[in-house]
Structure formats: structure tokens, C-alpha cells
């Protein structure tokens, strides 16, 4: 899954670097899908802002 995400990011226009690594973004997405947690709870457990959590799901 990480390899697929890296390939997808390479095809996009260069953007600001993400605050989370691709591995962390994949893990956060799996947490969301498995536990169906809110962005607020995910952001709190990862120590990031809620807007950052939302932006990481946008890819």
C-alpha cells in the first residue's frame, strides 16, 4: 500500500510536504476504516491538528 501511495504522489503536482510520512498516512487511514473514528479523535491520538488529519485523507 505504501508503494502505491508513493507512486500516486509522484504523479501529482509538487505541493507542500506533508507533516506525516506516507507510512503514517496509510496507518491513520487504516485506523479510520477499521474503527470509524472521527477526525478529531484521530488527530488527538496522532498529535496533529484536525485539519491536518482531514488533508491526509484527501489524497
Protein backbone atom coordinates (compact mmCIF):
# COMPACT_ATOMS: atom_id res chain seq x y z
CA UNK A 1 0.00 0.00 0.00
CA UNK A 2 2.86 2.35 0.76
CA UNK A 3 4.38 1.78 -2.68
CA UNK A 4 1.07 2.56 -4.37
CA UNK A 5 0.75 5.78 -2.34
CA UNK A 6 4.29 6.83 -3.27
CA UNK A 7 3.55 6.28 -6.96
CA UNK A 8 0.33 8.27 -6.70
CA UNK A 9 2.11 11.17 -5.01
CA UNK A 10 4.75 11.25 -7.76
CA UNK A 11 2.04 11.72 -10.38
CA UNK A 12 0.62 14.78 -8.61
CA UNK A 13 1.91 18.32 -8.89
CA UNK A 14 4.59 19.20 -6.34
CA UNK A 15 2.96 20.53 -3.21
CA UNK A 16 3.89 21.43 0.31
CA UNK A 17 5.45 18.46 2.09
CA UNK A 18 3.08 16.56 4.33
CA UNK A 19 3.53 16.67 8.09
CA UNK A 20 3.10 12.90 8.19
CA UNK A 21 5.10 10.29 6.35
CA UNK A 22 3.33 8.12 3.80
CA UNK A 23 3.55 5.17 6.17
CA UNK A 24 1.82 7.19 8.90
CA UNK A 25 -0.87 8.33 6.47
CA UNK A 26 -1.60 4.73 5.48
CA UNK A 27 -1.74 3.65 9.12
CA UNK A 28 -4.04 6.55 10.01
CA UNK A 29 -6.34 5.65 7.10
CA UNK A 30 -6.48 2.02 8.24
CA UNK A 31 -7.37 3.17 11.77
CA UNK A 32 -10.16 5.31 10.35
CA UNK A 33 -11.55 2.50 8.21
CA UNK A 34 -11.33 -0.16 10.91
CA UNK A 35 -12.56 1.79 13.91
CA UNK A 36 -14.51 4.55 12.10
CA UNK A 37 -13.07 7.16 14.44
CA UNK A 38 -13.74 10.85 13.98
CA UNK A 39 -11.06 13.15 12.61
CA UNK A 40 -10.92 14.85 15.99
CA UNK A 41 -10.05 11.60 17.78
CA UNK A 42 -7.53 10.58 15.14
CA UNK A 43 -5.85 13.99 15.29
CA UNK A 44 -5.67 13.86 19.07
CA UNK A 45 -4.10 10.40 19.14
CA UNK A 46 -1.54 11.36 16.45
CA UNK A 47 -0.74 14.75 17.98
CA UNK A 48 -1.76 16.76 14.91
CA UNK A 49 -4.47 19.27 14.09
CA UNK A 50 -7.83 18.05 12.81
CA UNK A 51 -7.32 19.91 9.53
CA UNK A 52 -4.05 18.02 9.00
CA UNK A 53 -5.84 14.71 9.52
CA UNK A 54 -8.52 15.71 7.01
CA UNK A 55 -5.91 16.80 4.46
CA UNK A 56 -4.08 13.48 4.73
CA UNK A 57 -7.24 11.67 3.61
CA UNK A 58 -7.66 13.95 0.60
CA UNK A 59 -5.07 12.10 -1.48
